Amino acid sequence: MRGLLGLACLLAGAVVFAAQAVGPQSPLENHGPAAVQPPLSLDRAIVIAEQHFKARVVRAAEDETDGHRVYVLRLLSEEGRVWTVRVDAQTGAMS
């Protein structure tokens, strides 16, 4: 009986370890067409754009058309280049 109990504890520990090794999934990961992702906050969109483009966001605005939210970000590079990026709040796609 002790051997069976020990085996059950060992298996339970392995399951917990495997779950921790996988870790939480990013909200921007693609979980298939049926998955609904929470909208991206403006603060998170700024962080993502700054890291992606290695530039600083100097102006941020929110635009909504037909219930679809897009963040309009003005970026400034270290070289002085300025450009605008639009970030889809639902998908995180940048254009």
PDB file of N, CA and C in Angstrom:
ATOM      1  N   MET A   1       0.823  -1.195   0.000  1.00  0.00           N
ATOM      2  CA  MET A   1       0.000   0.000   0.000  1.00  0.00           C
ATOM      3  C   MET A   1       0.868   1.260   0.000  1.00  0.00           C
ATOM      4  N   ARG A   2       1.977   1.247   0.772  1.00  0.00           N
ATOM      5  CA  ARG A   2       2.853   2.419   0.797  1.00  0.00           C
ATOM      6  C   ARG A   2       3.457   2.686  -0.580  1.00  0.00           C
ATOM      7  N   GLY A   3       3.780   1.643  -1.296  1.00  0.00           N
ATOM      8  CA  GLY A   3       4.349   1.806  -2.624  1.00  0.00           C
ATOM      9  C   GLY A   3       3.380   2.477  -3.573  1.00  0.00           C
ATOM     10  N   LEU A   4       2.105   2.125  -3.476  1.00  0.00           N
ATOM     11  CA  LEU A   4       1.082   2.728  -4.319  1.00  0.00           C
ATOM     12  C   LEU A   4       0.878   4.198  -3.962  1.00  0.00           C
ATOM     13  N   LEU A   5       0.882   4.492  -2.667  1.00  0.00           N
ATOM     14  CA  LEU A   5       0.729   5.880  -2.222  1.00  0.00           C
ATOM     15  C   LEU A   5       1.925   6.715  -2.667  1.00  0.00           C
ATOM     16  N   GLY A   6       3.110   6.159  -2.560  1.00  0.00           N
ATOM     17  CA  GLY A   6       4.318   6.870  -2.993  1.00  0.00           C
ATOM     18  C   GLY A   6       4.301   7.152  -4.482  1.00  0.00           C
ATOM     19  N   LEU A   7       3.842   6.163  -5.263  1.00  0.00           N
ATOM     20  CA  LEU A   7       3.742   6.336  -6.702  1.00  0.00           C
ATOM     21  C   LEU A   7       2.733   7.431  -7.066  1.00  0.00           C
ATOM     22  N   ALA A   8       1.597   7.460  -6.351  1.00  0.00           N
ATOM     23  CA  ALA A   8       0.588   8.482  -6.598  1.00  0.00           C
ATOM     24  C   ALA A   8       1.140   9.870  -6.287  1.00  0.00           C
ATOM     25  N   CYS A   9       1.883  10.008  -5.203  1.00  0.00           N
ATOM     26  CA  CYS A   9       2.485  11.308  -4.849  1.00  0.00           C
ATOM     27  C   CYS A   9       3.512  11.730  -5.891  1.00  0.00           C
ATOM     28  N   LEU A  10       4.292  10.772  -6.360  1.00  0.00           N
ATOM     29  CA  LEU A  10       5.302  11.060  -7.375  1.00  0.00           C
ATOM     30  C   LEU A  10       4.651  11.542  -8.669  1.00  0.00           C
ATOM     31  N   LEU A  11       3.583  10.889  -9.090  1.00  0.00           N
ATOM     32  CA  LEU A  11       2.867  11.299 -10.300  1.00  0.00           C
ATOM     33  C   LEU A  11       2.233  12.676 -10.133  1.00  0.00           C
ATOM     34  N   ALA A  12       1.649  12.946  -8.971  1.00  0.00           N
ATOM     35  CA  ALA A  12       1.037  14.254  -8.724  1.00  0.00           C
ATOM     36  C   ALA A  12       2.093  15.353  -8.786  1.00  0.00           C
ATOM     37  N   GLY A  13       3.258  15.085  -8.211  1.00  0.00           N
ATOM     38  CA  GLY A  13       4.352  16.058  -8.266  1.00  0.00           C
ATOM     39  C   GLY A  13       4.813  16.310  -9.680  1.00  0.00           C
ATOM     40  N   ALA A  14       4.865  15.265 -10.499  1.00  0.00           N
ATOM     41  CA  ALA A  14       5.287  15.413 -11.893  1.00  0.00           C
ATOM     42  C   ALA A  14       4.305  16.276 -12.669  1.00  0.00           C
ATOM     43  N   VAL A  15       3.005  16.104 -12.391  1.00  0.00           N
ATOM     44  CA  VAL A  15       1.985  16.902 -13.072  1.00  0.00           C
ATOM     45  C   VAL A  15       2.134  18.371 -12.706  1.00  0.00           C
ATOM     46  N   VAL A  16       2.335  18.665 -11.412  1.00  0.00           N
ATOM     47  CA  VAL A  16       2.514  20.055 -10.966  1.00  0.00           C
ATOM     48  C   VAL A  16       3.764  20.645 -11.596  1.00  0.00           C
ATOM     49  N   PHE A  17       4.860  19.890 -11.617  1.00  0.00           N
ATOM     50  CA  PHE A  17       6.104  20.375 -12.208  1.00  0.00           C
ATOM     51  C   PHE A  17       5.922  20.684 -13.692  1.00  0.00           C
ATOM     52  N   ALA A  18       5.256  19.804 -14.417  1.00  0.00           N
ATOM     53  CA  ALA A  18       5.039  20.017 -15.849  1.00  0.00           C
ATOM     54  C   ALA A  18       4.186  21.255 -16.098  1.00  0.00           C
ATOM     55  N   ALA A  19       3.183  21.478 -15.262  1.00  0.00           N
ATOM     56  CA  ALA A  19       2.327  22.656 -15.419  1.00  0.00           C
ATOM     57  C   ALA A  19       3.118  23.933 -15.175  1.00  0.00           C
ATOM     58  N   GLN A  20       4.030  23.908 -14.207  1.00  0.00           N
ATOM     59  CA  GLN A  20       4.842  25.091 -13.918  1.00  0.00           C
ATOM     60  C   GLN A  20       5.859  25.335 -15.025  1.00  0.00           C
ATOM     61  N   ALA A  21       6.380  24.263 -15.621  1.00  0.00           N
ATOM     62  CA  ALA A  21       7.383  24.398 -16.670  1.00  0.00           C
ATOM     63  C   ALA A  21       6.798  25.058 -17.907  1.00  0.00           C
ATOM     64  N   VAL A  22       5.530  24.766 -18.204  1.00  0.00           N
ATOM     65  CA  VAL A  22       4.877  25.371 -19.357  1.00  0.00           C
ATOM     66  C   VAL A  22       4.676  26.847 -19.107  1.00  0.00           C
ATOM     67  N   GLY A  23       4.256  27.223 -17.907  1.00  0.00           N
ATOM     68  CA  GLY A  23       4.085  28.616 -17.526  1.00  0.00           C
ATOM     69  C   GLY A  23       2.848  29.232 -18.136  1.00  0.00           C
ATOM     70  N   PRO A  24       2.536  30.448 -17.723  1.00  0.00           N
ATOM     71  CA  PRO A  24       1.363  31.134 -18.271  1.00  0.00           C
ATOM     72  C   PRO A  24       1.609  31.527 -19.712  1.00  0.00           C
ATOM     73  N   GLN A  25       0.565  31.537 -20.478  1.00  0.00           N
ATOM     74  CA  GLN A  25       0.681  31.901 -21.874  1.00  0.00           C
ATOM     75  C   GLN A  25       0.434  33.394 -22.052  1.00  0.00           C
ATOM     76  N   SER A  26       1.126  33.962 -22.995  1.00  0.00           N
ATOM     77  CA  SER A  26       0.995  35.380 -23.294  1.00  0.00           C
ATOM     78  C   SER A  26      -0.400  35.676 -23.839  1.00  0.00           C
ATOM     79  N   PRO A  27      -0.988  36.816 -23.459  1.00  0.00           N
ATOM     80  CA  PRO A  27      -2.301  37.149 -24.003  1.00  0.00           C
ATOM     81  C   PRO A  27      -2.272  37.427 -25.496  1.00  0.00           C
ATOM     82  N   LEU A  28      -1.079  37.624 -26.076  1.00  0.00           N
ATOM     83  CA  LEU A  28      -0.995  37.907 -27.504  1.00  0.00           C
ATOM     84  C   LEU A  28      -0.741  36.658 -28.337  1.00  0.00           C
ATOM     85  N   GLU A  29      -0.598  35.486 -27.663  1.00  0.00           N
ATOM     86  CA  GLU A  29      -0.395  34.257 -28.419  1.00  0.00           C
ATOM     87  C   GLU A  29      -1.660  33.903 -29.175  1.00  0.00           C
ATOM     88  N   ASN A  30      -1.489  33.254 -30.296  1.00  0.00           N
ATOM     89  CA  ASN A  30      -2.634  32.849 -31.103  1.00  0.00           C
ATOM     90  C   ASN A  30      -3.176  31.529 -30.572  1.00  0.00           C
ATOM     91  N   HIS A  31      -4.408  31.537 -30.118  1.00  0.00           N
ATOM     92  CA  HIS A  31      -5.033  30.338 -29.587  1.00  0.00           C
ATOM     93  C   HIS A  31      -6.101  29.813 -30.529  1.00  0.00           C
ATOM     94  N   GLY A  32      -6.025  30.152 -31.779  1.00  0.00           N
ATOM     95  CA  GLY A  32      -6.997  29.677 -32.747  1.00  0.00           C
ATOM     96  C   GLY A  32      -8.087  30.699 -32.965  1.00  0.00           C
ATOM     97  N   PRO A  33      -8.901  30.488 -33.967  1.00  0.00           N
ATOM     98  CA  PRO A  33      -9.919  31.470 -34.334  1.00  0.00           C
ATOM     99  C   PRO A  33     -11.016  31.624 -33.297  1.00  0.00           C
ATOM    100  N   ALA A  34     -11.268  30.630 -32.455  1.00  0.00           N
ATOM    101  CA  ALA A  34     -12.362  30.705 -31.492  1.00  0.00           C
ATOM    102  C   ALA A  34     -11.963  31.462 -30.227  1.00  0.00           C
ATOM    103  N   ALA A  35     -10.666  31.656 -30.001  1.00  0.00           N
ATOM    104  CA  ALA A  35     -10.208  32.299 -28.773  1.00  0.00           C
ATOM    105  C   ALA A  35     -10.479  33.802 -28.825  1.00  0.00           C
ATOM    106  N   VAL A  36     -10.967  34.333 -27.729  1.00  0.00           N
ATOM    107  CA  VAL A  36     -11.211  35.765 -27.613  1.00  0.00           C
ATOM    108  C   VAL A  36     -10.170  36.315 -26.649  1.00  0.00           C
ATOM    109  N   GLN A  37      -9.416  37.297 -27.113  1.00  0.00           N
ATOM    110  CA  GLN A  37      -8.363  37.876 -26.297  1.00  0.00           C
ATOM    111  C   GLN A  37      -8.839  39.203 -25.719  1.00  0.00           C
ATOM    112  N   PRO A  38      -8.428  39.498 -24.494  1.00  0.00           N
ATOM    113  CA  PRO A  38      -8.805  40.793 -23.927  1.00  0.00           C
ATOM    114  C   PRO A  38      -8.108  41.908 -24.695  1.00  0.00           C
ATOM    115  N   PRO A  39      -8.729  43.070 -24.768  1.00  0.00           N
ATOM    116  CA  PRO A  39      -8.097  44.164 -25.509  1.00  0.00           C
ATOM    117  C   PRO A  39      -6.794  44.611 -24.845  1.00  0.00           C
ATOM    118  N   LEU A  40      -5.900  45.083 -25.661  1.00  0.00           N
ATOM    119  CA  LEU A  40      -4.607  45.590 -25.227  1.00  0.00           C
ATOM    120  C   LEU A  40      -4.812  46.986 -24.636  1.00  0.00           C
ATOM    121  N   SER A  41      -4.196  47.253 -23.491  1.00  0.00           N
ATOM    122  CA  SER A  41      -4.301  48.591 -22.914  1.00  0.00           C
ATOM    123  C   SER A  41      -3.361  49.536 -23.658  1.00  0.00           C
ATOM    124  N   LEU A  42      -3.610  50.825 -23.549  1.00  0.00           N
ATOM    125  CA  LEU A  42      -2.746  51.819 -24.184  1.00  0.00           C
ATOM    126  C   LEU A  42      -1.338  51.713 -23.615  1.00  0.00           C
ATOM    127  N   ASP A  43      -1.220  51.560 -22.300  1.00  0.00           N
ATOM    128  CA  ASP A  43       0.105  51.451 -21.674  1.00  0.00           C
ATOM    129  C   ASP A  43       0.883  50.259 -22.225  1.00  0.00           C
ATOM    130  N   ARG A  44       0.211  49.125 -22.379  1.00  0.00           N
ATOM    131  CA  ARG A  44       0.875  47.923 -22.892  1.00  0.00           C
ATOM    132  C   ARG A  44       1.257  48.115 -24.362  1.00  0.00           C
ATOM    133  N   ALA A  45       0.400  48.767 -25.142  1.00  0.00           N
ATOM    134  CA  ALA A  45       0.712  49.035 -26.548  1.00  0.00           C
ATOM    135  C   ALA A  45       1.956  49.913 -26.667  1.00  0.00           C
ATOM    136  N   ILE A  46       2.088  50.881 -25.780  1.00  0.00           N
ATOM    137  CA  ILE A  46       3.260  51.764 -25.788  1.00  0.00           C
ATOM    138  C   ILE A  46       4.521  50.965 -25.492  1.00  0.00           C
ATOM    139  N   VAL A  47       4.481  50.127 -24.480  1.00  0.00           N
ATOM    140  CA  VAL A  47       5.646  49.315 -24.120  1.00  0.00           C
ATOM    141  C   VAL A  47       6.051  48.417 -25.284  1.00  0.00           C
ATOM    142  N   ILE A  48       5.080  47.765 -25.906  1.00  0.00           N
ATOM    143  CA  ILE A  48       5.357  46.866 -27.025  1.00  0.00           C
ATOM    144  C   ILE A  48       5.990  47.630 -28.192  1.00  0.00           C
ATOM    145  N   ALA A  49       5.431  48.776 -28.536  1.00  0.00           N
ATOM    146  CA  ALA A  49       5.952  49.566 -29.664  1.00  0.00           C
ATOM    147  C   ALA A  49       7.359  50.083 -29.365  1.00  0.00           C
ATOM    148  N   GLU A  50       7.590  50.574 -28.154  1.00  0.00           N
ATOM    149  CA  GLU A  50       8.919  51.080 -27.805  1.00  0.00           C
ATOM    150  C   GLU A  50       9.969  49.975 -27.876  1.00  0.00           C
ATOM    151  N   GLN A  51       9.625  48.795 -27.401  1.00  0.00           N
ATOM    152  CA  GLN A  51      10.570  47.682 -27.456  1.00  0.00           C
ATOM    153  C   GLN A  51      10.781  47.214 -28.891  1.00  0.00           C
ATOM    154  N   HIS A  52       9.719  47.134 -29.655  1.00  0.00           N
ATOM    155  CA  HIS A  52       9.812  46.642 -31.032  1.00  0.00           C
ATOM    156  C   HIS A  52      10.645  47.568 -31.911  1.00  0.00           C
ATOM    157  N   PHE A  53      10.405  48.866 -31.799  1.00  0.00           N
ATOM    158  CA  PHE A  53      11.067  49.822 -32.673  1.00  0.00           C
ATOM    159  C   PHE A  53      12.304  50.460 -32.052  1.00  0.00           C
ATOM    160  N   LYS A  54      12.578  50.158 -30.777  1.00  0.00           N
ATOM    161  CA  LYS A  54      13.714  50.752 -30.057  1.00  0.00           C
ATOM    162  C   LYS A  54      13.671  52.277 -30.185  1.00  0.00           C
ATOM    163  N   ALA A  55      12.495  52.812 -29.869  1.00  0.00           N
ATOM    164  CA  ALA A  55      12.248  54.252 -29.948  1.00  0.00           C
ATOM    165  C   ALA A  55      11.336  54.636 -28.787  1.00  0.00           C
ATOM    166  N   ARG A  56      11.167  55.927 -28.608  1.00  0.00           N
ATOM    167  CA  ARG A  56      10.339  56.429 -27.510  1.00  0.00           C
ATOM    168  C   ARG A  56       9.028  56.971 -28.065  1.00  0.00           C
ATOM    169  N   VAL A  57       7.926  56.601 -27.402  1.00  0.00           N
ATOM    170  CA  VAL A  57       6.621  57.140 -27.791  1.00  0.00           C
ATOM    171  C   VAL A  57       6.518  58.544 -27.202  1.00  0.00           C
ATOM    172  N   VAL A  58       6.291  59.536 -28.075  1.00  0.00           N
ATOM    173  CA  VAL A  58       6.204  60.924 -27.629  1.00  0.00           C
ATOM    174  C   VAL A  58       4.773  61.447 -27.643  1.00  0.00           C
ATOM    175  N   ARG A  59       3.878  60.721 -28.310  1.00  0.00           N
ATOM    176  CA  ARG A  59       2.466  61.092 -28.320  1.00  0.00           C
ATOM    177  C   ARG A  59       1.645  59.831 -28.541  1.00  0.00           C
ATOM    178  N   ALA A  60       0.538  59.738 -27.818  1.00  0.00           N
ATOM    179  CA  ALA A  60      -0.336  58.567 -27.956  1.00  0.00           C
ATOM    180  C   ALA A  60      -1.787  59.037 -27.961  1.00  0.00           C
ATOM    181  N   ALA A  61      -2.561  58.454 -28.863  1.00  0.00           N
ATOM    182  CA  ALA A  61      -3.987  58.771 -28.953  1.00  0.00           C
ATOM    183  C   ALA A  61      -4.750  57.476 -29.224  1.00  0.00           C
ATOM    184  N   GLU A  62      -6.021  57.516 -28.917  1.00  0.00           N
ATOM    185  CA  GLU A  62      -6.887  56.369 -29.151  1.00  0.00           C
ATOM    186  C   GLU A  62      -7.903  56.736 -30.219  1.00  0.00           C
ATOM    187  N   ASP A  63      -8.075  55.854 -31.187  1.00  0.00           N
ATOM    188  CA  ASP A  63      -9.032  56.070 -32.268  1.00  0.00           C
ATOM    189  C   ASP A  63      -9.985  54.885 -32.276  1.00  0.00           C
ATOM    190  N   GLU A  64     -11.268  55.153 -32.378  1.00  0.00           N
ATOM    191  CA  GLU A  64     -12.251  54.076 -32.409  1.00  0.00           C
ATOM    192  C   GLU A  64     -13.204  54.292 -33.573  1.00  0.00           C
ATOM    193  N   THR A  65     -13.305  53.263 -34.418  1.00  0.00           N
ATOM    194  CA  THR A  65     -14.202  53.303 -35.561  1.00  0.00           C
ATOM    195  C   THR A  65     -15.057  52.048 -35.546  1.00  0.00           C
ATOM    196  N   ASP A  66     -16.360  52.228 -35.517  1.00  0.00           N
ATOM    197  CA  ASP A  66     -17.296  51.094 -35.483  1.00  0.00           C
ATOM    198  C   ASP A  66     -16.987  50.122 -34.351  1.00  0.00           C
ATOM    199  N   GLY A  67     -16.624  50.661 -33.197  1.00  0.00           N
ATOM    200  CA  GLY A  67     -16.334  49.824 -32.038  1.00  0.00           C
ATOM    201  C   GLY A  67     -14.980  49.143 -32.075  1.00  0.00           C
ATOM    202  N   HIS A  68     -14.159  49.459 -33.058  1.00  0.00           N
ATOM    203  CA  HIS A  68     -12.830  48.859 -33.196  1.00  0.00           C
ATOM    204  C   HIS A  68     -11.786  49.879 -32.740  1.00  0.00           C
ATOM    205  N   ARG A  69     -11.064  49.556 -31.665  1.00  0.00           N
ATOM    206  CA  ARG A  69     -10.109  50.487 -31.066  1.00  0.00           C
ATOM    207  C   ARG A  69      -8.710  50.306 -31.652  1.00  0.00           C
ATOM    208  N   VAL A  70      -8.093  51.435 -31.996  1.00  0.00           N
ATOM    209  CA  VAL A  70      -6.725  51.463 -32.508  1.00  0.00           C
ATOM    210  C   VAL A  70      -5.990  52.568 -31.767  1.00  0.00           C
ATOM    211  N   TYR A  71      -4.755  52.266 -31.357  1.00  0.00           N
ATOM    212  CA  TYR A  71      -3.922  53.283 -30.720  1.00  0.00           C
ATOM    213  C   TYR A  71      -2.998  53.877 -31.777  1.00  0.00           C
ATOM    214  N   VAL A  72      -2.929  55.195 -31.816  1.00  0.00           N
ATOM    215  CA  VAL A  72      -2.072  55.899 -32.760  1.00  0.00           C
ATOM    216  C   VAL A  72      -0.903  56.456 -31.957  1.00  0.00           C
ATOM    217  N   LEU A  73       0.292  55.937 -32.242  1.00  0.00           N
ATOM    218  CA  LEU A  73       1.484  56.294 -31.473  1.00  0.00           C
ATOM    219  C   LEU A  73       2.481  57.031 -32.346  1.00  0.00           C
ATOM    220  N   ARG A  74       2.994  58.134 -31.844  1.00  0.00           N
ATOM    221  CA  ARG A  74       4.058  58.881 -32.523  1.00  0.00           C
ATOM    222  C   ARG A  74       5.359  58.493 -31.823  1.00  0.00           C
ATOM    223  N   LEU A  75       6.333  58.004 -32.604  1.00  0.00           N
ATOM    224  CA  LEU A  75       7.602  57.551 -32.045  1.00  0.00           C
ATOM    225  C   LEU A  75       8.751  58.446 -32.467  1.00  0.00           C
ATOM    226  N   LEU A  76       9.779  58.491 -31.622  1.00  0.00           N
ATOM    227  CA  LEU A  76      10.992  59.267 -31.878  1.00  0.00           C
ATOM    228  C   LEU A  76      12.189  58.360 -31.629  1.00  0.00           C
ATOM    229  N   SER A  77      13.032  58.192 -32.656  1.00  0.00           N
ATOM    230  CA  SER A  77      14.228  57.351 -32.517  1.00  0.00           C
ATOM    231  C   SER A  77      15.364  58.190 -31.934  1.00  0.00           C
ATOM    232  N   GLU A  78      16.433  57.513 -31.513  1.00  0.00           N
ATOM    233  CA  GLU A  78      17.615  58.220 -30.996  1.00  0.00           C
ATOM    234  C   GLU A  78      18.255  59.098 -32.064  1.00  0.00           C
ATOM    235  N   GLU A  79      18.064  58.720 -33.334  1.00  0.00           N
ATOM    236  CA  GLU A  79      18.629  59.497 -34.450  1.00  0.00           C
ATOM    237  C   GLU A  79      17.778  60.705 -34.805  1.00  0.00           C
ATOM    238  N   GLY A  80      16.623  60.864 -34.149  1.00  0.00           N
ATOM    239  CA  GLY A  80      15.749  61.993 -34.412  1.00  0.00           C
ATOM    240  C   GLY A  80      14.652  61.716 -35.424  1.00  0.00           C
ATOM    241  N   ARG A  81      14.539  60.493 -35.893  1.00  0.00           N
ATOM    242  CA  ARG A  81      13.481  60.131 -36.847  1.00  0.00           C
ATOM    243  C   ARG A  81      12.150  60.050 -36.117  1.00  0.00           C
ATOM    244  N   VAL A  82      11.103  60.621 -36.713  1.00  0.00           N
ATOM    245  CA  VAL A  82       9.756  60.610 -36.129  1.00  0.00           C
ATOM    246  C   VAL A  82       8.814  59.908 -37.105  1.00  0.00           C
ATOM    247  N   TRP A  83       7.981  59.024 -36.582  1.00  0.00           N
ATOM    248  CA  TRP A  83       6.999  58.337 -37.415  1.00  0.00           C
ATOM    249  C   TRP A  83       5.811  57.920 -36.570  1.00  0.00           C
ATOM    250  N   THR A  84       4.740  57.520 -37.239  1.00  0.00           N
ATOM    251  CA  THR A  84       3.498  57.140 -36.576  1.00  0.00           C
ATOM    252  C   THR A  84       3.235  55.659 -36.798  1.00  0.00           C
ATOM    253  N   VAL A  85       2.783  55.004 -35.745  1.00  0.00           N
ATOM    254  CA  VAL A  85       2.431  53.582 -35.801  1.00  0.00           C
ATOM    255  C   VAL A  85       1.022  53.429 -35.257  1.00  0.00           C
ATOM    256  N   ARG A  86       0.249  52.594 -35.909  1.00  0.00           N
ATOM    257  CA  ARG A  86      -1.096  52.268 -35.422  1.00  0.00           C
ATOM    258  C   ARG A  86      -1.068  50.867 -34.851  1.00  0.00           C
ATOM    259  N   VAL A  87      -1.597  50.700 -33.632  1.00  0.00           N
ATOM    260  CA  VAL A  87      -1.611  49.406 -32.953  1.00  0.00           C
ATOM    261  C   VAL A  87      -3.067  48.992 -32.738  1.00  0.00           C
ATOM    262  N   ASP A  88      -3.428  47.843 -33.283  1.00  0.00           N
ATOM    263  CA  ASP A  88      -4.775  47.307 -33.104  1.00  0.00           C
ATOM    264  C   ASP A  88      -4.898  46.832 -31.658  1.00  0.00           C
ATOM    265  N   ALA A  89      -5.870  47.365 -30.921  1.00  0.00           N
ATOM    266  CA  ALA A  89      -6.029  47.038 -29.504  1.00  0.00           C
ATOM    267  C   ALA A  89      -6.439  45.584 -29.287  1.00  0.00           C
ATOM    268  N   GLN A  90      -7.100  44.986 -30.244  1.00  0.00           N
ATOM    269  CA  GLN A  90      -7.568  43.604 -30.063  1.00  0.00           C
ATOM    270  C   GLN A  90      -6.479  42.581 -30.392  1.00  0.00           C
ATOM    271  N   THR A  91      -5.703  42.828 -31.431  1.00  0.00           N
ATOM    272  CA  THR A  91      -4.722  41.829 -31.884  1.00  0.00           C
ATOM    273  C   THR A  91      -3.278  42.188 -31.560  1.00  0.00           C
ATOM    274  N   GLY A  92      -3.006  43.478 -31.338  1.00  0.00           N
ATOM    275  CA  GLY A  92      -1.637  43.910 -31.122  1.00  0.00           C
ATOM    276  C   GLY A  92      -0.874  44.137 -32.424  1.00  0.00           C
ATOM    277  N   ALA A  93      -1.553  43.965 -33.569  1.00  0.00           N
ATOM    278  CA  ALA A  93      -0.894  44.158 -34.871  1.00  0.00           C
ATOM    279  C   ALA A  93      -0.533  45.617 -35.048  1.00  0.00           C
ATOM    280  N   MET A  94       0.671  45.854 -35.572  1.00  0.00           N
ATOM    281  CA  MET A  94       1.152  47.216 -35.798  1.00  0.00           C
ATOM    282  C   MET A  94       1.245  47.503 -37.291  1.00  0.00           C
ATOM    283  N   SER A  95       0.865  48.716 -37.658  1.00  0.00           N
ATOM    284  CA  SER A  95       0.987  49.133 -39.062  1.00  0.00           C
ATOM    285  C   SER A  95       1.372  50.592 -39.120  1.00  0.00           C
TER     286      SER A  95
END
